[in-house]
């Protein structure tokens, strides 16, 4: 029975880990794309979870039905050779940017918590990811299966604890802002680029529709639920969190050492899973033929991400994410309208 569902849940774990990175776990993405719009932003998070579920299933099952083996094959199948090649190039660049943001987030965390040089944190995360990605898909799945329960349970506990822990301040009632729709679409679009790339790399493990349903649908829905749990306290204390680099951490005062320690562990876990996923996707795009080439590609990808990380975590989230989200809208539209039995 365990083996019957293991593949689907392991893919779901990787999917959750890829989406729920530093931007998500720190609350930075949730603030930028949802919470600042008020109650409508909370509805937007739930809707995004549904879209992640739909896209995850369609990508996995389409790859399985047509025997496709890579992100390159998938894009050229659904978009044609020229547009597919262009989207692959943009996707590769964005995956590097996402990886760099995870490295930058580690640096920001080390600086804010312990006053260490930001470069120290980025280098530590770079080494961890390089070693783990060198172990291939088995290493990726094992780490995500180990950390995913912590991400799910820990996020729910931290978010609800902060929300119900005090009733002194509530965010002002805010009307519906038209920008929330565009903001939510951009958020889904840029996550679809990295998420689809990683799902394509994992699709070789799919044995049928059950694995695709568990991996894609369960993964997407859980991401939406975690997002809501973390967004509630951010919305409640909007005046405190609006301009913070690490909004969730900003809510934890000096009398919350235990929950702060737990949250730091949770945040580092989210950074590791997402950094690993993006590094793995970028290396997979380069199609290394053996273990030696994989380590060389991992090193090159890491160096590029390290250089980009120097512009800072908040700058990457605010600027690069939006740009690539607009480009990813093309890929999102094609996938949503994709008929599973379409021939390449």
C-alpha atoms as a PDB file:
ATOM      1  CA  UNK A   1       0.000   0.000   0.000  1.00  0.00           C
ATOM      2  CA  UNK A   2       2.826   2.382   0.882  1.00  0.00           C
ATOM      3  CA  UNK A   3       4.582   1.795  -2.448  1.00  0.00           C
ATOM      4  CA  UNK A   4       1.286   2.292  -4.287  1.00  0.00           C
ATOM      5  CA  UNK A   5       1.084   5.955  -3.282  1.00  0.00           C
ATOM      6  CA  UNK A   6       4.747   6.734  -2.594  1.00  0.00           C
ATOM      7  CA  UNK A   7       5.585   8.090  -6.058  1.00  0.00           C
ATOM      8  CA  UNK A   8       2.660  10.519  -6.081  1.00  0.00           C
ATOM      9  CA  UNK A   9       3.375  11.853  -2.600  1.00  0.00           C
ATOM     10  CA  UNK A  10       7.105  12.182  -3.260  1.00  0.00           C
ATOM     11  CA  UNK A  11       6.344  14.306  -6.359  1.00  0.00           C
ATOM     12  CA  UNK A  12       3.815  16.356  -4.368  1.00  0.00           C
ATOM     13  CA  UNK A  13       6.479  16.956  -1.711  1.00  0.00           C
ATOM     14  CA  UNK A  14       8.963  18.221  -4.311  1.00  0.00           C
ATOM     15  CA  UNK A  15       6.249  20.396  -5.900  1.00  0.00           C
ATOM     16  CA  UNK A  16       5.343  21.947  -2.534  1.00  0.00           C
ATOM     17  CA  UNK A  17       8.998  22.452  -1.680  1.00  0.00           C
ATOM     18  CA  UNK A  18       9.680  24.151  -5.025  1.00  0.00           C
ATOM     19  CA  UNK A  19       6.841  26.682  -4.683  1.00  0.00           C
ATOM     20  CA  UNK A  20       7.164  27.301  -0.961  1.00  0.00           C
ATOM     21  CA  UNK A  21      10.548  28.969  -0.972  1.00  0.00           C
ATOM     22  CA  UNK A  22      12.009  31.891   0.926  1.00  0.00           C
ATOM     23  CA  UNK A  23       9.685  34.415  -0.693  1.00  0.00           C
ATOM     24  CA  UNK A  24       6.677  32.367   0.386  1.00  0.00           C
ATOM     25  CA  UNK A  25       7.854  31.285   3.852  1.00  0.00           C
ATOM     26  CA  UNK A  26       9.190  34.725   4.838  1.00  0.00           C
ATOM     27  CA  UNK A  27       5.906  36.281   3.741  1.00  0.00           C
ATOM     28  CA  UNK A  28       7.637  38.553   1.204  1.00  0.00           C
ATOM     29  CA  UNK A  29       5.815  37.102  -1.821  1.00  0.00           C
ATOM     30  CA  UNK A  30       2.527  36.917   0.050  1.00  0.00           C
ATOM     31  CA  UNK A  31       2.840  40.601   0.971  1.00  0.00           C
ATOM     32  CA  UNK A  32       3.850  41.782  -2.500  1.00  0.00           C
ATOM     33  CA  UNK A  33       1.283  39.837  -4.495  1.00  0.00           C
ATOM     34  CA  UNK A  34      -1.670  39.286  -2.144  1.00  0.00           C
ATOM     35  CA  UNK A  35      -1.868  40.602   1.417  1.00  0.00           C
ATOM     36  CA  UNK A  36      -1.387  44.292   0.578  1.00  0.00           C
ATOM     37  CA  UNK A  37      -4.676  44.130  -1.362  1.00  0.00           C
ATOM     38  CA  UNK A  38      -6.653  43.213   1.767  1.00  0.00           C
ATOM     39  CA  UNK A  39      -9.253  40.474   2.039  1.00  0.00           C
ATOM     40  CA  UNK A  40      -9.360  40.039  -1.755  1.00  0.00           C
ATOM     41  CA  UNK A  41      -5.734  38.937  -1.603  1.00  0.00           C
ATOM     42  CA  UNK A  42      -6.659  36.086   0.736  1.00  0.00           C
ATOM     43  CA  UNK A  43      -9.199  34.862  -1.815  1.00  0.00           C
ATOM     44  CA  UNK A  44      -6.507  35.164  -4.459  1.00  0.00           C
ATOM     45  CA  UNK A  45      -4.210  32.813  -2.547  1.00  0.00           C
ATOM     46  CA  UNK A  46      -6.925  30.149  -2.475  1.00  0.00           C
ATOM     47  CA  UNK A  47      -7.550  30.548  -6.206  1.00  0.00           C
ATOM     48  CA  UNK A  48      -3.827  30.222  -6.913  1.00  0.00           C
ATOM     49  CA  UNK A  49      -3.751  26.918  -5.043  1.00  0.00           C
ATOM     50  CA  UNK A  50      -6.459  25.630  -7.383  1.00  0.00           C
ATOM     51  CA  UNK A  51      -4.497  26.737 -10.455  1.00  0.00           C
ATOM     52  CA  UNK A  52      -1.329  25.074  -9.145  1.00  0.00           C
ATOM     53  CA  UNK A  53      -3.317  21.856  -8.695  1.00  0.00           C
ATOM     54  CA  UNK A  54      -4.735  21.966 -12.243  1.00  0.00           C
ATOM     55  CA  UNK A  55      -1.408  22.786 -13.892  1.00  0.00           C
ATOM     56  CA  UNK A  56       0.499  20.211 -11.844  1.00  0.00           C
ATOM     57  CA  UNK A  57      -1.850  17.418 -12.879  1.00  0.00           C
ATOM     58  CA  UNK A  58      -1.957  18.418 -16.558  1.00  0.00           C
ATOM     59  CA  UNK A  59       1.819  18.681 -16.881  1.00  0.00           C
ATOM     60  CA  UNK A  60       2.511  15.348 -15.183  1.00  0.00           C
ATOM     61  CA  UNK A  61      -0.182  13.395 -17.007  1.00  0.00           C
ATOM     62  CA  UNK A  62       0.610  14.953 -20.396  1.00  0.00           C
ATOM     63  CA  UNK A  63       4.280  14.042 -20.010  1.00  0.00           C
ATOM     64  CA  UNK A  64       3.295  10.474 -19.092  1.00  0.00           C
ATOM     65  CA  UNK A  65       0.777  10.049 -21.925  1.00  0.00           C
ATOM     66  CA  UNK A  66       3.182  11.213 -24.610  1.00  0.00           C
ATOM     67  CA  UNK A  67       6.379   9.708 -23.249  1.00  0.00           C
ATOM     68  CA  UNK A  68       8.160  13.054 -23.009  1.00  0.00           C
ATOM     69  CA  UNK A  69      11.386  13.162 -21.024  1.00  0.00           C
ATOM     70  CA  UNK A  70      12.362  16.802 -20.488  1.00  0.00           C
ATOM     71  CA  UNK A  71      11.154  20.374 -20.082  1.00  0.00           C
ATOM     72  CA  UNK A  72      12.548  21.062 -23.562  1.00  0.00           C
ATOM     73  CA  UNK A  73      10.438  18.264 -25.069  1.00  0.00           C
ATOM     74  CA  UNK A  74       7.335  19.498 -23.257  1.00  0.00           C
ATOM     75  CA  UNK A  75       7.637  23.136 -24.362  1.00  0.00           C
ATOM     76  CA  UNK A  76       8.347  22.269 -27.981  1.00  0.00           C
ATOM     77  CA  UNK A  77       5.448  19.841 -27.994  1.00  0.00           C
ATOM     78  CA  UNK A  78       2.862  22.342 -26.716  1.00  0.00           C
ATOM     79  CA  UNK A  79       4.267  25.535 -28.298  1.00  0.00           C
ATOM     80  CA  UNK A  80       6.187  24.484 -31.367  1.00  0.00           C
ATOM     81  CA  UNK A  81       9.933  24.457 -31.970  1.00  0.00           C
ATOM     82  CA  UNK A  82      10.640  28.209 -32.120  1.00  0.00           C
ATOM     83  CA  UNK A  83       8.382  29.522 -29.367  1.00  0.00           C
ATOM     84  CA  UNK A  84       9.238  26.491 -27.225  1.00  0.00           C
ATOM     85  CA  UNK A  85      12.967  27.195 -27.551  1.00  0.00           C
ATOM     86  CA  UNK A  86      12.405  30.860 -26.641  1.00  0.00           C
ATOM     87  CA  UNK A  87      10.341  29.964 -23.572  1.00  0.00           C
ATOM     88  CA  UNK A  88      12.967  27.431 -22.527  1.00  0.00           C
ATOM     89  CA  UNK A  89      15.660  30.133 -22.637  1.00  0.00           C
ATOM     90  CA  UNK A  90      13.528  32.537 -20.572  1.00  0.00           C
ATOM     91  CA  UNK A  91      12.635  29.720 -18.185  1.00  0.00           C
ATOM     92  CA  UNK A  92      16.265  28.796 -17.647  1.00  0.00           C
ATOM     93  CA  UNK A  93      17.171  32.418 -16.852  1.00  0.00           C
ATOM     94  CA  UNK A  94      14.319  32.698 -14.359  1.00  0.00           C
ATOM     95  CA  UNK A  95      15.198  29.442 -12.632  1.00  0.00           C
ATOM     96  CA  UNK A  96      18.703  30.854 -12.087  1.00  0.00           C
ATOM     97  CA  UNK A  97      17.079  34.023 -10.688  1.00  0.00           C
ATOM     98  CA  UNK A  98      14.947  31.945  -8.299  1.00  0.00           C
ATOM     99  CA  UNK A  99      17.973  30.005  -7.157  1.00  0.00           C
ATOM    100  CA  UNK A 100      19.811  33.276  -6.549  1.00  0.00           C
ATOM    101  CA  UNK A 101      16.891  34.600  -4.501  1.00  0.00           C
ATOM    102  CA  UNK A 102      17.106  31.555  -2.206  1.00  0.00           C
ATOM    103  CA  UNK A 103      20.823  32.196  -1.713  1.00  0.00           C
ATOM    104  CA  UNK A 104      20.147  35.895  -1.069  1.00  0.00           C
ATOM    105  CA  UNK A 105      17.372  35.014   1.405  1.00  0.00           C
ATOM    106  CA  UNK A 106      19.785  32.851   3.383  1.00  0.00           C
ATOM    107  CA  UNK A 107      22.189  35.766   3.527  1.00  0.00           C
ATOM    108  CA  UNK A 108      19.418  38.113   4.708  1.00  0.00           C
ATOM    109  CA  UNK A 109      18.365  35.614   7.385  1.00  0.00           C
ATOM    110  CA  UNK A 110      21.916  35.145   8.696  1.00  0.00           C
ATOM    111  CA  UNK A 111      22.378  38.912   8.832  1.00  0.00           C
ATOM    112  CA  UNK A 112      19.072  39.678  10.576  1.00  0.00           C
ATOM    113  CA  UNK A 113      19.329  36.880  13.145  1.00  0.00           C
ATOM    114  CA  UNK A 114      23.033  36.702  13.949  1.00  0.00           C
ATOM    115  CA  UNK A 115      24.574  39.819  12.389  1.00  0.00           C
ATOM    116  CA  UNK A 116      26.752  37.716  10.069  1.00  0.00           C
ATOM    117  CA  UNK A 117      27.933  38.915   6.682  1.00  0.00           C
ATOM    118  CA  UNK A 118      25.264  38.183   4.047  1.00  0.00           C
ATOM    119  CA  UNK A 119      27.801  36.459   1.824  1.00  0.00           C
ATOM    120  CA  UNK A 120      28.381  33.850   4.550  1.00  0.00           C
ATOM    121  CA  UNK A 121      24.773  32.673   4.362  1.00  0.00           C
ATOM    122  CA  UNK A 122      24.711  32.585   0.566  1.00  0.00           C
ATOM    123  CA  UNK A 123      27.906  30.512   0.405  1.00  0.00           C
ATOM    124  CA  UNK A 124      26.647  28.002   2.996  1.00  0.00           C
ATOM    125  CA  UNK A 125      23.404  27.448   1.071  1.00  0.00           C
ATOM    126  CA  UNK A 126      25.342  27.190  -2.201  1.00  0.00           C
ATOM    127  CA  UNK A 127      27.507  24.381  -0.798  1.00  0.00           C
ATOM    128  CA  UNK A 128      24.509  22.499   0.664  1.00  0.00           C
ATOM    129  CA  UNK A 129      22.575  22.629  -2.616  1.00  0.00           C
ATOM    130  CA  UNK A 130      25.568  21.699  -4.747  1.00  0.00           C
ATOM    131  CA  UNK A 131      26.217  18.558  -2.696  1.00  0.00           C
ATOM    132  CA  UNK A 132      22.555  17.481  -2.589  1.00  0.00           C
ATOM    133  CA  UNK A 133      21.805  18.138  -6.278  1.00  0.00           C
ATOM    134  CA  UNK A 134      24.864  16.113  -7.217  1.00  0.00           C
ATOM    135  CA  UNK A 135      23.055  13.109  -5.742  1.00  0.00           C
ATOM    136  CA  UNK A 136      20.374  13.299  -8.457  1.00  0.00           C
ATOM    137  CA  UNK A 137      16.618  12.802  -8.260  1.00  0.00           C
ATOM    138  CA  UNK A 138      16.791  10.297  -5.381  1.00  0.00           C
ATOM    139  CA  UNK A 139      18.520  12.863  -3.192  1.00  0.00           C
ATOM    140  CA  UNK A 140      16.005  15.538  -4.203  1.00  0.00           C
ATOM    141  CA  UNK A 141      13.016  13.321  -3.384  1.00  0.00           C
ATOM    142  CA  UNK A 142      14.475  12.109  -0.083  1.00  0.00           C
ATOM    143  CA  UNK A 143      15.155  15.626   1.221  1.00  0.00           C
ATOM    144  CA  UNK A 144      11.710  16.859   0.229  1.00  0.00           C
ATOM    145  CA  UNK A 145       9.945  13.838   1.748  1.00  0.00           C
ATOM    146  CA  UNK A 146      11.836  14.502   4.981  1.00  0.00           C
ATOM    147  CA  UNK A 147      11.203  18.255   5.136  1.00  0.00           C
ATOM    148  CA  UNK A 148       7.758  18.559   3.533  1.00  0.00           C
ATOM    149  CA  UNK A 149       5.787  17.444   6.639  1.00  0.00           C
ATOM    150  CA  UNK A 150       7.734  20.058   8.621  1.00  0.00           C
ATOM    151  CA  UNK A 151       6.870  22.743   6.065  1.00  0.00           C
ATOM    152  CA  UNK A 152       3.174  21.883   6.071  1.00  0.00           C
ATOM    153  CA  UNK A 153       2.669  21.419   9.807  1.00  0.00           C
ATOM    154  CA  UNK A 154       5.083  24.135  10.865  1.00  0.00           C
ATOM    155  CA  UNK A 155       3.617  26.774   8.537  1.00  0.00           C
ATOM    156  CA  UNK A 156       0.088  26.069   9.715  1.00  0.00           C
ATOM    157  CA  UNK A 157       1.087  26.212  13.385  1.00  0.00           C
ATOM    158  CA  UNK A 158       3.164  29.392  13.069  1.00  0.00           C
ATOM    159  CA  UNK A 159       0.569  31.226  10.998  1.00  0.00           C
ATOM    160  CA  UNK A 160      -2.385  30.348  13.216  1.00  0.00           C
ATOM    161  CA  UNK A 161      -0.392  30.932  16.412  1.00  0.00           C
ATOM    162  CA  UNK A 162       0.515  34.460  15.330  1.00  0.00           C
ATOM    163  CA  UNK A 163      -3.030  35.172  14.155  1.00  0.00           C
ATOM    164  CA  UNK A 164      -4.870  33.997  17.273  1.00  0.00           C
ATOM    165  CA  UNK A 165      -2.093  34.882  19.732  1.00  0.00           C
ATOM    166  CA  UNK A 166      -3.287  38.477  20.095  1.00  0.00           C
ATOM    167  CA  UNK A 167      -6.444  40.451  19.390  1.00  0.00           C
ATOM    168  CA  UNK A 168      -5.024  43.930  19.927  1.00  0.00           C
ATOM    169  CA  UNK A 169      -4.670  45.024  16.314  1.00  0.00           C
ATOM    170  CA  UNK A 170      -6.572  44.251  13.152  1.00  0.00           C
ATOM    171  CA  UNK A 171      -5.794  45.463   9.654  1.00  0.00           C
ATOM    172  CA  UNK A 172      -8.115  48.147   8.272  1.00  0.00           C
ATOM    173  CA  UNK A 173     -10.977  47.041   6.078  1.00  0.00           C
ATOM    174  CA  UNK A 174      -9.842  47.434   2.482  1.00  0.00           C
ATOM    175  CA  UNK A 175     -12.012  47.450  -0.625  1.00  0.00           C
ATOM    176  CA  UNK A 176     -11.515  45.321  -3.703  1.00  0.00           C
ATOM    177  CA  UNK A 177      -8.551  46.512  -5.784  1.00  0.00           C
ATOM    178  CA  UNK A 178      -8.492  45.608  -9.479  1.00  0.00           C
ATOM    179  CA  UNK A 179      -4.723  45.128  -9.298  1.00  0.00           C
ATOM    180  CA  UNK A 180      -5.173  41.939  -7.268  1.00  0.00           C
ATOM    181  CA  UNK A 181      -6.172  40.003 -10.360  1.00  0.00           C
ATOM    182  CA  UNK A 182      -3.079  40.956 -12.322  1.00  0.00           C
ATOM    183  CA  UNK A 183      -0.894  40.448  -9.259  1.00  0.00           C
ATOM    184  CA  UNK A 184      -2.234  36.933  -8.613  1.00  0.00           C
ATOM    185  CA  UNK A 185      -1.789  35.959 -12.271  1.00  0.00           C
ATOM    186  CA  UNK A 186       1.814  37.185 -12.272  1.00  0.00           C
ATOM    187  CA  UNK A 187       2.491  35.200  -9.085  1.00  0.00           C
ATOM    188  CA  UNK A 188       1.128  31.963 -10.552  1.00  0.00           C
ATOM    189  CA  UNK A 189       2.853  32.563 -13.878  1.00  0.00           C
ATOM    190  CA  UNK A 190       6.387  32.872 -12.566  1.00  0.00           C
ATOM    191  CA  UNK A 191       5.921  29.894 -10.253  1.00  0.00           C
ATOM    192  CA  UNK A 192       4.615  27.867 -13.181  1.00  0.00           C
ATOM    193  CA  UNK A 193       7.926  28.373 -15.006  1.00  0.00           C
ATOM    194  CA  UNK A 194       9.998  26.779 -12.244  1.00  0.00           C
ATOM    195  CA  UNK A 195       7.270  24.342 -11.148  1.00  0.00           C
ATOM    196  CA  UNK A 196       6.681  22.987 -14.662  1.00  0.00           C
ATOM    197  CA  UNK A 197      10.395  22.583 -15.278  1.00  0.00           C
ATOM    198  CA  UNK A 198      10.778  20.547 -12.092  1.00  0.00           C
ATOM    199  CA  UNK A 199       7.641  18.463 -12.718  1.00  0.00           C
ATOM    200  CA  UNK A 200       8.917  17.607 -16.194  1.00  0.00           C
ATOM    201  CA  UNK A 201      12.189  16.419 -14.681  1.00  0.00           C
ATOM    202  CA  UNK A 202      10.255  14.205 -12.237  1.00  0.00           C
ATOM    203  CA  UNK A 203       7.680  12.894 -14.724  1.00  0.00           C
ATOM    204  CA  UNK A 204       9.736   9.808 -15.590  1.00  0.00           C
ATOM    205  CA  UNK A 205       8.600   8.370 -12.248  1.00  0.00           C
ATOM    206  CA  UNK A 206       4.887   8.635 -13.156  1.00  0.00           C
ATOM    207  CA  UNK A 207       3.192   5.250 -13.631  1.00  0.00           C
ATOM    208  CA  UNK A 208      -0.362   6.411 -14.305  1.00  0.00           C
ATOM    209  CA  UNK A 209      -3.128   8.905 -13.617  1.00  0.00           C
ATOM    210  CA  UNK A 210      -3.106   8.227  -9.854  1.00  0.00           C
ATOM    211  CA  UNK A 211       0.488   9.454  -9.475  1.00  0.00           C
ATOM    212  CA  UNK A 212      -0.301  12.545 -11.566  1.00  0.00           C
ATOM    213  CA  UNK A 213      -3.371  13.334  -9.454  1.00  0.00           C
ATOM    214  CA  UNK A 214      -1.580  12.920  -6.135  1.00  0.00           C
ATOM    215  CA  UNK A 215       1.567  14.721  -7.247  1.00  0.00           C
ATOM    216  CA  UNK A 216      -0.111  17.651  -8.970  1.00  0.00           C
ATOM    217  CA  UNK A 217      -3.473  18.144  -7.277  1.00  0.00           C
ATOM    218  CA  UNK A 218      -2.447  17.384  -3.688  1.00  0.00           C
ATOM    219  CA  UNK A 219       0.677  19.498  -4.085  1.00  0.00           C
ATOM    220  CA  UNK A 220      -1.224  22.503  -5.450  1.00  0.00           C
ATOM    221  CA  UNK A 221      -4.013  22.417  -2.870  1.00  0.00           C
ATOM    222  CA  UNK A 222      -1.591  22.123   0.043  1.00  0.00           C
ATOM    223  CA  UNK A 223       0.398  25.116  -1.245  1.00  0.00           C
ATOM    224  CA  UNK A 224      -2.827  27.167  -1.234  1.00  0.00           C
ATOM    225  CA  UNK A 225      -3.725  26.116   2.323  1.00  0.00           C
ATOM    226  CA  UNK A 226      -0.244  26.882   3.657  1.00  0.00           C
ATOM    227  CA  UNK A 227      -0.364  30.271   1.949  1.00  0.00           C
ATOM    228  CA  UNK A 228      -3.630  31.145   3.664  1.00  0.00           C
ATOM    229  CA  UNK A 229      -2.302  30.100   7.075  1.00  0.00           C
ATOM    230  CA  UNK A 230       0.748  32.352   6.709  1.00  0.00           C
ATOM    231  CA  UNK A 231      -1.171  35.244   5.124  1.00  0.00           C
ATOM    232  CA  UNK A 232      -3.697  35.605   7.965  1.00  0.00           C
ATOM    233  CA  UNK A 233      -1.302  37.148  10.528  1.00  0.00           C
ATOM    234  CA  UNK A 234       0.345  39.257   7.805  1.00  0.00           C
ATOM    235  CA  UNK A 235      -3.047  40.747   6.977  1.00  0.00           C
ATOM    236  CA  UNK A 236      -4.028  41.189  10.604  1.00  0.00           C
ATOM    237  CA  UNK A 237      -0.847  43.187  11.346  1.00  0.00           C
ATOM    238  CA  UNK A 238      -0.523  44.873   7.950  1.00  0.00           C
ATOM    239  CA  UNK A 239       0.854  48.101   9.424  1.00  0.00           C
ATOM    240  CA  UNK A 240       3.825  46.185  10.877  1.00  0.00           C
ATOM    241  CA  UNK A 241       4.586  43.820   7.995  1.00  0.00           C
ATOM    242  CA  UNK A 242       4.026  45.978   4.900  1.00  0.00           C
ATOM    243  CA  UNK A 243       7.621  47.156   4.317  1.00  0.00           C
ATOM    244  CA  UNK A 244       9.581  44.452   6.165  1.00  0.00           C
ATOM    245  CA  UNK A 245      12.184  42.370   4.295  1.00  0.00           C
ATOM    246  CA  UNK A 246      11.227  39.289   6.362  1.00  0.00           C
ATOM    247  CA  UNK A 247       7.584  40.031   7.322  1.00  0.00           C
ATOM    248  CA  UNK A 248       6.826  36.855   9.298  1.00  0.00           C
ATOM    249  CA  UNK A 249       9.942  37.242  11.411  1.00  0.00           C
ATOM    250  CA  UNK A 250       9.013  40.876  12.056  1.00  0.00           C
ATOM    251  CA  UNK A 251       5.904  39.705  13.954  1.00  0.00           C
ATOM    252  CA  UNK A 252       7.902  37.653  16.446  1.00  0.00           C
ATOM    253  CA  UNK A 253       8.847  39.755  19.447  1.00  0.00           C
ATOM    254  CA  UNK A 254      11.361  39.121  22.191  1.00  0.00           C
ATOM    255  CA  UNK A 255       8.941  36.978  24.208  1.00  0.00           C
ATOM    256  CA  UNK A 256       8.522  34.499  21.344  1.00  0.00           C
ATOM    257  CA  UNK A 257      11.951  32.838  21.354  1.00  0.00           C
ATOM    258  CA  UNK A 258      10.557  29.300  21.114  1.00  0.00           C
ATOM    259  CA  UNK A 259       8.279  30.012  18.164  1.00  0.00           C
ATOM    260  CA  UNK A 260      10.993  32.131  16.549  1.00  0.00           C
ATOM    261  CA  UNK A 261      13.457  29.224  16.743  1.00  0.00           C
ATOM    262  CA  UNK A 262      10.877  26.886  15.244  1.00  0.00           C
ATOM    263  CA  UNK A 263      10.129  29.368  12.500  1.00  0.00           C
ATOM    264  CA  UNK A 264      13.807  29.793  11.608  1.00  0.00           C
ATOM    265  CA  UNK A 265      14.100  26.016  11.200  1.00  0.00           C
ATOM    266  CA  UNK A 266      10.956  26.077   9.051  1.00  0.00           C
ATOM    267  CA  UNK A 267      12.283  28.938   6.930  1.00  0.00           C
ATOM    268  CA  UNK A 268      15.656  27.299   6.377  1.00  0.00           C
ATOM    269  CA  UNK A 269      13.858  24.094   5.342  1.00  0.00           C
ATOM    270  CA  UNK A 270      11.762  26.019   2.815  1.00  0.00           C
ATOM    271  CA  UNK A 271      14.868  27.705   1.415  1.00  0.00           C
ATOM    272  CA  UNK A 272      16.708  24.388   1.100  1.00  0.00           C
ATOM    273  CA  UNK A 273      13.865  22.615  -0.712  1.00  0.00           C
ATOM    274  CA  UNK A 274      13.290  25.453  -3.164  1.00  0.00           C
ATOM    275  CA  UNK A 275      16.967  26.149  -3.771  1.00  0.00           C
ATOM    276  CA  UNK A 276      17.524  22.440  -4.422  1.00  0.00           C
ATOM    277  CA  UNK A 277      14.545  22.250  -6.765  1.00  0.00           C
ATOM    278  CA  UNK A 278      15.633  25.273  -8.801  1.00  0.00           C
ATOM    279  CA  UNK A 279      19.251  24.177  -8.945  1.00  0.00           C
ATOM    280  CA  UNK A 280      18.150  20.690 -10.057  1.00  0.00           C
ATOM    281  CA  UNK A 281      15.849  22.149 -12.745  1.00  0.00           C
ATOM    282  CA  UNK A 282      18.586  24.423 -14.081  1.00  0.00           C
ATOM    283  CA  UNK A 283      21.091  21.565 -14.225  1.00  0.00           C
ATOM    284  CA  UNK A 284      18.514  19.310 -15.892  1.00  0.00           C
ATOM    285  CA  UNK A 285      17.969  21.966 -18.590  1.00  0.00           C
ATOM    286  CA  UNK A 286      21.675  21.699 -19.433  1.00  0.00           C
ATOM    287  CA  UNK A 287      21.214  17.928 -19.956  1.00  0.00           C
ATOM    288  CA  UNK A 288      24.391  16.566 -18.331  1.00  0.00           C
ATOM    289  CA  UNK A 289      25.278  13.112 -19.667  1.00  0.00           C
ATOM    290  CA  UNK A 290      27.010  11.704 -16.584  1.00  0.00           C
ATOM    291  CA  UNK A 291      27.770  12.396 -12.924  1.00  0.00           C
ATOM    292  CA  UNK A 292      30.931  14.372 -13.685  1.00  0.00           C
ATOM    293  CA  UNK A 293      29.057  16.693 -16.071  1.00  0.00           C
ATOM    294  CA  UNK A 294      26.266  17.066 -13.507  1.00  0.00           C
ATOM    295  CA  UNK A 295      28.690  18.364 -10.877  1.00  0.00           C
ATOM    296  CA  UNK A 296      30.276  20.764 -13.388  1.00  0.00           C
ATOM    297  CA  UNK A 297      26.840  22.087 -14.406  1.00  0.00           C
ATOM    298  CA  UNK A 298      25.845  22.392 -10.744  1.00  0.00           C
ATOM    299  CA  UNK A 299      28.962  24.447 -10.045  1.00  0.00           C
ATOM    300  CA  UNK A 300      28.390  26.759 -13.037  1.00  0.00           C
ATOM    301  CA  UNK A 301      24.715  27.279 -12.170  1.00  0.00           C
ATOM    302  CA  UNK A 302      25.676  28.037  -8.569  1.00  0.00           C
ATOM    303  CA  UNK A 303      28.294  30.600  -9.537  1.00  0.00           C
ATOM    304  CA  UNK A 304      25.791  32.423 -11.764  1.00  0.00           C
ATOM    305  CA  UNK A 305      23.228  32.415  -8.929  1.00  0.00           C
ATOM    306  CA  UNK A 306      25.814  33.647  -6.406  1.00  0.00           C
ATOM    307  CA  UNK A 307      26.653  36.636  -8.580  1.00  0.00           C
ATOM    308  CA  UNK A 308      22.992  37.535  -9.105  1.00  0.00           C
ATOM    309  CA  UNK A 309      22.235  37.125  -5.383  1.00  0.00           C
ATOM    310  CA  UNK A 310      24.369  40.166  -4.612  1.00  0.00           C
ATOM    311  CA  UNK A 311      21.551  42.520  -5.674  1.00  0.00           C
ATOM    312  CA  UNK A 312      19.570  41.420  -2.596  1.00  0.00           C
ATOM    313  CA  UNK A 313      16.574  39.240  -1.787  1.00  0.00           C
ATOM    314  CA  UNK A 314      13.915  41.974  -1.702  1.00  0.00           C
ATOM    315  CA  UNK A 315      15.136  43.464  -5.011  1.00  0.00           C
ATOM    316  CA  UNK A 316      14.955  40.079  -6.741  1.00  0.00           C
ATOM    317  CA  UNK A 317      11.408  39.454  -5.510  1.00  0.00           C
ATOM    318  CA  UNK A 318      10.187  42.969  -6.348  1.00  0.00           C
ATOM    319  CA  UNK A 319      11.786  43.339  -9.793  1.00  0.00           C
ATOM    320  CA  UNK A 320      12.822  40.096 -11.475  1.00  0.00           C
ATOM    321  CA  UNK A 321       9.829  38.028 -10.328  1.00  0.00           C
ATOM    322  CA  UNK A 322       7.322  40.420 -11.885  1.00  0.00           C
ATOM    323  CA  UNK A 323       9.208  40.596 -15.192  1.00  0.00           C
ATOM    324  CA  UNK A 324       9.394  36.827 -15.606  1.00  0.00           C
ATOM    325  CA  UNK A 325       5.818  36.455 -14.355  1.00  0.00           C
ATOM    326  CA  UNK A 326       4.607  38.468 -17.338  1.00  0.00           C
ATOM    327  CA  UNK A 327       6.571  36.185 -19.676  1.00  0.00           C
ATOM    328  CA  UNK A 328       5.351  33.058 -17.890  1.00  0.00           C
ATOM    329  CA  UNK A 329       1.764  34.083 -18.578  1.00  0.00           C
ATOM    330  CA  UNK A 330       2.202  32.681 -22.106  1.00  0.00           C
ATOM    331  CA  UNK A 331       3.193  29.273 -20.728  1.00  0.00           C
ATOM    332  CA  UNK A 332       0.402  29.325 -18.130  1.00  0.00           C
ATOM    333  CA  UNK A 333      -2.242  30.120 -20.771  1.00  0.00           C
ATOM    334  CA  UNK A 334      -1.069  27.328 -23.067  1.00  0.00           C
ATOM    335  CA  UNK A 335      -1.016  24.739 -20.260  1.00  0.00           C
ATOM    336  CA  UNK A 336      -4.482  25.634 -18.948  1.00  0.00           C
ATOM    337  CA  UNK A 337      -5.927  25.334 -22.461  1.00  0.00           C
ATOM    338  CA  UNK A 338      -3.949  22.181 -23.250  1.00  0.00           C
ATOM    339  CA  UNK A 339      -5.938  19.094 -24.200  1.00  0.00           C
ATOM    340  CA  UNK A 340      -4.268  16.070 -22.674  1.00  0.00           C
ATOM    341  CA  UNK A 341      -4.667  13.894 -25.760  1.00  0.00           C
ATOM    342  CA  UNK A 342      -3.264  16.487 -28.173  1.00  0.00           C
ATOM    343  CA  UNK A 343      -0.484  15.028 -30.284  1.00  0.00           C
ATOM    344  CA  UNK A 344       2.903  16.697 -30.539  1.00  0.00           C
END
